[in-house]
Amino acid sequence: MSTLAIGDQAPAITAKNQAGNTIHLSDFKGKRVILYFYPKDNTPGCTTEACNFRDNYQSLLNDGFEVLGVSIDSEQSHQKFIAKYELPFNLLADEDQKIVNDYGVWVEKNMYGKKYMGTARTTFVIDEQGKIAHIIKKVDNKNASDQIRTLYK
């Protein structure tokens, strides 16, 4: 597992989105990318976060950002999640856990004394040159977009 820091080159990403299209992080060079990692489609916290990005998507685009969500869920799961909540951005399927490992967000978790591996909810803001500009480890699901905006005021 890697430990990434602000200023590091963001690890390359090649993954399928909800439609089965291959998406590369490099496709967004010249734009700022909000790369948000979340544990699971259709769970309360993840839905709140995704809907916050949905509700603020146009203003984020206007501010020069693109939004990409990543979880270990399948393309089919992402399709259902997007359809149910009318999400306007790509969700990347990381079923082999390569991306979560490359970004260091695949971690041991503990719930009710049971330990398991899972995705740590984390947001990376990647600048126009593909470098990590910000890392948000304590994501406020209800205000995820505002957390990012405050970094650019």
Protein backbone atom coordinates (compact mmCIF):
# COMPACT_ATOMS: atom_id res chain seq x y z
CA MET A 1 0.00 0.00 0.00
CA SER A 2 1.32 3.42 -0.92
CA THR A 3 1.22 6.59 1.10
CA LEU A 4 0.52 9.46 -1.21
CA ALA A 5 1.17 13.08 -0.35
CA ILE A 6 0.27 16.48 -1.74
CA GLY A 7 2.55 17.23 -4.68
CA ASP A 8 2.95 13.59 -5.69
CA GLN A 9 2.10 12.51 -9.21
CA ALA A 10 -1.32 10.85 -9.03
CA PRO A 11 -1.10 7.14 -9.82
CA ALA A 12 -2.33 6.29 -13.31
CA ILE A 13 -5.85 4.94 -13.55
CA THR A 14 -7.31 2.71 -16.23
CA ALA A 15 -10.73 1.35 -15.34
CA LYS A 16 -14.16 0.64 -16.74
CA ASN A 17 -16.97 3.02 -15.94
CA GLN A 18 -20.62 2.12 -15.43
CA ALA A 19 -21.13 1.79 -19.20
CA GLY A 20 -18.14 -0.48 -19.71
CA ASN A 21 -16.07 2.28 -21.31
CA THR A 22 -12.40 2.47 -20.42
CA ILE A 23 -11.54 5.65 -18.54
CA HIS A 24 -7.97 6.84 -17.99
CA LEU A 25 -7.08 9.52 -15.47
CA SER A 26 -4.89 11.00 -18.21
CA ASP A 27 -8.10 11.69 -20.22
CA PHE A 28 -8.64 14.62 -17.84
CA LYS A 29 -5.23 16.27 -18.14
CA GLY A 30 -5.75 20.03 -18.11
CA LYS A 31 -8.72 19.74 -15.73
CA ARG A 32 -8.88 19.46 -11.97
CA VAL A 33 -10.26 16.08 -10.98
CA ILE A 34 -12.21 15.30 -7.84
CA LEU A 35 -11.37 11.62 -7.39
CA TYR A 36 -13.50 10.35 -4.57
CA PHE A 37 -13.26 6.88 -3.09
CA TYR A 38 -16.29 5.47 -1.32
CA PRO A 39 -17.03 2.07 0.25
CA LYS A 40 -20.23 0.84 -1.45
CA ASP A 41 -23.01 1.79 -3.85
CA ASN A 42 -26.48 2.33 -2.36
CA THR A 43 -25.38 2.66 1.26
CA PRO A 44 -26.50 5.69 3.30
CA GLY A 45 -23.21 7.62 3.61
CA CYS A 46 -22.12 6.84 0.06
CA THR A 47 -25.49 7.88 -1.33
CA THR A 48 -25.39 11.16 0.61
CA GLU A 49 -21.91 11.93 -0.73
CA ALA A 50 -22.79 11.01 -4.33
CA CYS A 51 -25.96 13.09 -4.23
CA ASN A 52 -24.01 16.07 -2.88
CA PHE A 53 -21.68 15.84 -5.88
CA ARG A 54 -24.73 15.40 -8.15
CA ASP A 55 -26.47 18.47 -6.74
CA ASN A 56 -23.32 20.58 -7.17
CA TYR A 57 -22.04 18.97 -10.37
CA GLN A 58 -22.75 21.82 -12.77
CA SER A 59 -21.12 24.43 -10.53
CA LEU A 60 -18.10 22.13 -10.05
CA LEU A 61 -17.81 21.80 -13.84
CA ASN A 62 -18.10 25.58 -14.14
CA ASP A 63 -15.22 25.88 -11.66
CA GLY A 64 -13.06 23.60 -13.83
CA PHE A 65 -13.49 20.32 -11.95
CA GLU A 66 -14.44 16.87 -13.19
CA VAL A 67 -15.86 14.30 -10.74
CA LEU A 68 -14.92 10.61 -10.73
CA GLY A 69 -16.17 8.19 -8.11
CA VAL A 70 -14.35 4.93 -7.37
CA SER A 71 -15.51 1.86 -5.45
CA ILE A 72 -14.87 -1.85 -5.69
CA ASP A 73 -18.44 -2.39 -6.90
CA SER A 74 -19.14 -3.77 -10.39
CA GLU A 75 -20.15 -1.85 -13.49
CA GLN A 76 -23.67 -3.26 -13.09
CA SER A 77 -23.89 -2.04 -9.49
CA HIS A 78 -22.72 1.39 -10.63
CA GLN A 79 -25.35 1.42 -13.41
CA LYS A 80 -28.13 0.83 -10.86
CA PHE A 81 -26.71 3.40 -8.43
CA ILE A 82 -26.47 6.03 -11.18
CA ALA A 83 -29.98 5.29 -12.48
CA LYS A 84 -31.55 5.37 -9.01
CA TYR A 85 -29.99 8.71 -8.03
CA GLU A 86 -29.52 10.30 -11.49
CA LEU A 87 -25.79 10.74 -11.01
CA PRO A 88 -24.27 12.71 -13.91
CA PHE A 89 -20.63 11.64 -13.49
CA ASN A 90 -18.59 8.49 -14.05
CA LEU A 91 -18.22 5.81 -11.42
CA LEU A 92 -15.21 3.55 -11.90
CA ALA A 93 -15.40 -0.17 -11.14
CA ASP A 94 -12.33 -1.29 -9.20
CA GLU A 95 -13.28 -4.91 -8.64
CA ASP A 96 -9.65 -6.08 -8.56
CA GLN A 97 -8.83 -3.38 -5.98
CA LYS A 98 -5.91 -2.03 -7.98
CA ILE A 99 -6.92 1.62 -7.74
CA VAL A 100 -7.79 1.54 -4.04
CA ASN A 101 -4.42 -0.08 -3.37
CA ASP A 102 -2.52 2.37 -5.61
CA TYR A 103 -4.09 5.28 -3.73
CA GLY A 104 -3.61 3.68 -0.30
CA VAL A 105 -7.29 3.67 0.64
CA TRP A 106 -7.75 -0.13 0.93
CA VAL A 107 -7.42 -0.48 4.69
CA GLU A 108 -8.31 -2.64 7.64
CA LYS A 109 -11.56 -1.51 9.20
CA ASN A 110 -13.25 -2.46 12.42
CA MET A 111 -17.00 -2.60 12.93
CA TYR A 112 -18.49 -3.94 16.14
CA GLY A 113 -15.20 -5.68 16.91
CA LYS A 114 -15.08 -7.42 13.53
CA LYS A 115 -12.02 -6.59 11.41
CA TYR A 116 -12.25 -6.58 7.63
CA MET A 117 -10.67 -4.89 4.62
CA GLY A 118 -12.50 -2.04 2.98
CA THR A 119 -12.25 1.32 1.28
CA ALA A 120 -11.49 4.34 3.44
CA ARG A 121 -13.69 7.20 2.29
CA THR A 122 -11.14 9.64 0.89
CA THR A 123 -11.17 12.41 -1.70
CA PHE A 124 -8.16 13.39 -3.80
CA VAL A 125 -8.13 16.60 -5.78
CA ILE A 126 -5.79 16.22 -8.73
CA ASP A 127 -4.52 19.34 -10.48
CA GLU A 128 -4.33 20.06 -14.21
CA GLN A 129 -0.84 18.49 -14.43
CA GLY A 130 -1.92 15.24 -12.76
CA LYS A 131 -0.41 16.00 -9.34
CA ILE A 132 -2.21 15.57 -6.05
CA ALA A 133 -3.28 19.03 -4.89
CA HIS A 134 -5.36 18.02 -1.85
CA ILE A 135 -6.26 14.91 0.13
CA ILE A 136 -9.41 14.92 2.25
CA LYS A 137 -9.44 12.04 4.73
CA LYS A 138 -12.31 13.26 6.88
CA VAL A 139 -15.00 13.62 4.24
CA ASP A 140 -18.22 15.38 5.23
CA ASN A 141 -20.70 13.40 3.13
CA LYS A 142 -23.41 16.08 3.24
CA ASN A 143 -20.97 18.86 2.30
CA ALA A 144 -18.36 17.09 0.17
CA SER A 145 -18.49 19.71 -2.60
CA ASP A 146 -18.17 22.61 -0.16
CA GLN A 147 -15.16 20.91 1.46
CA ILE A 148 -13.43 21.12 -1.91
CA ARG A 149 -14.61 24.63 -2.71
CA THR A 150 -13.17 25.97 0.55
CA LEU A 151 -9.73 24.73 -0.56
CA TYR A 152 -9.90 27.08 -3.56
CA LYS A 153 -11.16 30.28 -1.93
